[in-house]
Amino acid sequence: MGFSSESGRSLIELIVSLALIAIIFTYSLPSLSSFIDTYQVRRSSEQIMALLNYAKSQAYQEHRSISLCPCSESSITCSDWSSAWTRIVVFDPKTQELLYTANRTYQHIDFNRVSASHAGSTFTFNSKGRATSPSSLRITHHTAESKIVVSRMGRIRLE
C-alpha cells in the first residue's frame, strides 16, 4: 500500500507555488502603494475643491466677497498652506464672519509640501463668483501629485 501520485500535492510543489506568489506580490506592491498615494491626493484635492466651490457659490448668492484659507484651531487668522494648520475656513473677509469650517481630515497628506502659486494663502471670490486673482494649489505626497487651478473667471479645475 503506497502513496499514489494522484492523491495530493508534494511539498516541493507547494513551496514552488508559494515562491511564485511571493514574487508576484513583491513586484505588485510598489504599484499598489503608488495607487494608494494617488487616491489619497485625489481625495484630498476633491475635498478642497468642494470647499472652493462652496465659497464661490456663497459669494455669488450673497453678493459679497468670500474667502477660503487654512488656519489654526484657535483663530480665523490665515496661515500658509505648508505650515501647521488644523482646519479650512470659509469667511467674509470684511466682517470676519465665519460661514463654514472644515476640520483637517487629510491625515495621509504631507501638507508641508503643498504650495500655492500666489502670495498668501487665501482664495477670495468676489460678488460675481470670480476669483480676485488666478491661483493654484499643488498637493504632493510621495510620488502622487495633484494641482487645483482657480482661473480669474472663478473656474476651479483639477489637473
Protein backbone atom coordinates (compact mmCIF):
# COMPACT_ATOMS: atom_id res chain seq x y z
CA MET A 1 0.00 0.00 0.00
CA GLY A 2 1.94 3.01 -1.23
CA PHE A 3 1.09 6.57 -1.96
CA SER A 4 -0.41 7.27 -5.32
CA SER A 5 0.87 10.22 -7.31
CA GLU A 6 -2.76 11.31 -7.80
CA SER A 7 -3.60 11.59 -4.08
CA GLY A 8 -2.26 15.11 -3.45
CA ARG A 9 0.48 17.66 -3.96
CA SER A 10 4.04 17.24 -2.92
CA LEU A 11 5.89 19.57 -0.59
CA ILE A 12 8.07 20.78 -3.46
CA GLU A 13 5.01 21.82 -5.50
CA LEU A 14 3.67 23.74 -2.51
CA ILE A 15 6.98 25.56 -1.97
CA VAL A 16 7.26 26.48 -5.67
CA SER A 17 3.66 27.81 -5.64
CA LEU A 18 4.34 29.93 -2.54
CA ALA A 19 7.57 31.25 -4.07
CA LEU A 20 5.73 32.32 -7.23
CA ILE A 21 3.03 34.07 -5.16
CA ALA A 22 5.73 35.87 -3.15
CA ILE A 23 7.49 37.04 -6.33
CA ILE A 24 4.24 38.34 -7.84
CA PHE A 25 3.34 40.10 -4.60
CA THR A 26 6.81 41.68 -4.37
CA TYR A 27 6.51 43.18 -7.86
CA SER A 28 2.92 44.39 -7.39
CA LEU A 29 3.48 46.08 -4.01
CA PRO A 30 5.15 49.29 -5.33
CA SER A 31 2.36 49.89 -7.85
CA LEU A 32 -0.26 49.29 -5.14
CA SER A 33 1.50 51.83 -2.91
CA SER A 34 1.57 54.33 -5.76
CA PHE A 35 -2.15 53.73 -6.39
CA ILE A 36 -2.96 54.40 -2.72
CA ASP A 37 -0.89 57.63 -2.72
CA THR A 38 -2.65 58.81 -5.88
CA TYR A 39 -6.05 58.02 -4.38
CA GLN A 40 -5.28 59.92 -1.16
CA VAL A 41 -4.02 63.00 -3.02
CA ARG A 42 -7.02 62.94 -5.36
CA ARG A 43 -9.45 62.59 -2.44
CA SER A 44 -7.89 65.49 -0.56
CA SER A 45 -7.83 67.62 -3.71
CA GLU A 46 -11.52 66.93 -4.33
CA GLN A 47 -12.37 67.90 -0.75
CA ILE A 48 -10.52 71.21 -1.10
CA MET A 49 -12.17 71.78 -4.50
CA ALA A 50 -15.60 71.24 -2.93
CA LEU A 51 -14.78 73.91 -0.34
CA LEU A 52 -13.61 76.29 -3.08
CA ASN A 53 -16.84 75.70 -5.00
CA TYR A 54 -18.82 76.33 -1.81
CA ALA A 55 -17.01 79.64 -1.24
CA LYS A 56 -17.59 80.64 -4.87
CA SER A 57 -21.31 79.85 -4.74
CA GLN A 58 -21.74 81.68 -1.43
CA ALA A 59 -20.04 84.75 -2.88
CA TYR A 60 -22.40 84.74 -5.86
CA GLN A 61 -25.56 84.00 -3.84
CA GLU A 62 -24.88 86.57 -1.12
CA HIS A 63 -23.40 89.22 -3.46
CA ARG A 64 -20.29 89.73 -1.33
CA SER A 65 -16.65 88.68 -1.26
CA ILE A 66 -15.98 85.31 0.34
CA SER A 67 -12.53 83.89 1.18
CA LEU A 68 -11.15 80.46 1.97
CA CYS A 69 -7.88 79.74 3.78
CA PRO A 70 -6.20 77.29 6.17
CA CYS A 71 -5.88 78.37 9.79
CA SER A 72 -5.10 77.12 13.26
CA GLU A 73 -7.74 75.83 15.65
CA SER A 74 -7.78 78.90 17.85
CA SER A 75 -8.27 81.73 15.36
CA ILE A 76 -9.52 82.80 11.96
CA THR A 77 -6.08 84.17 11.11
CA CYS A 78 -4.99 82.57 7.86
CA SER A 79 -1.79 80.60 7.75
CA ASP A 80 0.30 79.30 4.89
CA TRP A 81 -0.81 76.02 3.26
CA SER A 82 2.56 74.46 4.05
CA SER A 83 2.52 75.37 7.76
CA ALA A 84 0.77 73.57 10.60
CA TRP A 85 -2.97 74.13 10.16
CA THR A 86 -5.89 72.19 11.53
CA ARG A 87 -8.89 73.45 9.56
CA ILE A 88 -10.00 75.29 6.45
CA VAL A 89 -12.39 78.21 6.93
CA VAL A 90 -14.77 79.96 4.57
CA PHE A 91 -15.43 83.51 5.75
CA ASP A 92 -16.33 87.08 4.81
CA PRO A 93 -13.02 88.99 4.66
CA LYS A 94 -14.64 92.33 5.56
CA THR A 95 -16.68 91.30 8.60
CA GLN A 96 -14.65 88.20 9.53
CA GLU A 97 -17.99 86.32 9.70
CA LEU A 98 -17.28 82.59 9.70
CA LEU A 99 -19.50 80.77 7.20
CA TYR A 100 -18.08 77.26 7.24
CA THR A 101 -15.31 75.30 8.92
CA ALA A 102 -13.84 72.04 7.68
CA ASN A 103 -11.58 70.22 10.10
CA ARG A 104 -8.40 68.75 8.72
CA THR A 105 -9.22 65.21 7.69
CA TYR A 106 -6.28 64.88 5.37
CA GLN A 107 -4.09 62.83 7.71
CA HIS A 108 -2.24 60.96 4.98
CA ILE A 109 -1.14 64.00 3.03
CA ASP A 110 2.12 65.75 3.76
CA PHE A 111 0.90 69.34 3.65
CA ASN A 112 4.44 70.56 4.26
CA ARG A 113 4.86 70.02 0.54
CA VAL A 114 1.75 71.94 -0.52
CA SER A 115 2.44 75.14 -2.37
CA ALA A 116 0.23 77.98 -3.54
CA SER A 117 1.10 79.94 -6.66
CA HIS A 118 0.01 83.34 -5.37
CA ALA A 119 1.15 85.49 -2.49
CA GLY A 120 -0.55 84.50 0.71
CA SER A 121 -2.79 81.56 1.29
CA THR A 122 -6.27 82.97 0.82
CA PHE A 123 -8.53 82.25 -2.12
CA THR A 124 -11.09 85.07 -2.50
CA PHE A 125 -14.16 85.21 -4.75
CA ASN A 126 -15.96 88.48 -5.43
CA SER A 127 -19.73 89.06 -5.51
CA LYS A 128 -19.91 87.72 -9.08
CA GLY A 129 -18.19 84.46 -8.14
CA ARG A 130 -14.96 85.42 -9.84
CA ALA A 131 -11.54 84.95 -8.26
CA THR A 132 -9.74 88.12 -7.25
CA SER A 133 -6.56 86.64 -8.72
CA PRO A 134 -5.79 83.45 -10.68
CA SER A 135 -4.07 80.93 -8.46
CA SER A 136 -3.24 77.29 -7.96
CA LEU A 137 -2.60 74.87 -5.14
CA ARG A 138 -0.25 71.92 -5.66
CA ILE A 139 -0.59 68.87 -3.41
CA THR A 140 2.10 66.19 -3.42
CA HIS A 141 2.51 63.00 -1.43
CA HIS A 142 5.41 60.66 -2.20
CA THR A 143 5.06 60.05 -5.95
CA ALA A 144 1.50 61.36 -6.35
CA GLU A 145 0.74 64.94 -7.29
CA SER A 146 -2.36 67.00 -7.91
CA LYS A 147 -2.91 70.62 -8.80
CA ILE A 148 -6.04 72.70 -8.18
CA VAL A 149 -6.28 75.68 -10.52
CA VAL A 150 -8.58 78.66 -9.99
CA SER A 151 -8.90 80.96 -13.00
CA ARG A 152 -9.71 84.65 -12.79
CA MET A 153 -13.23 83.85 -14.03
CA GLY A 154 -13.66 81.60 -10.97
CA ARG A 155 -13.40 78.29 -12.79
CA ILE A 156 -11.99 75.60 -10.49
CA ARG A 157 -10.38 72.57 -12.05
CA LEU A 158 -8.16 69.68 -11.08
CA GLU A 159 -5.02 68.90 -13.06
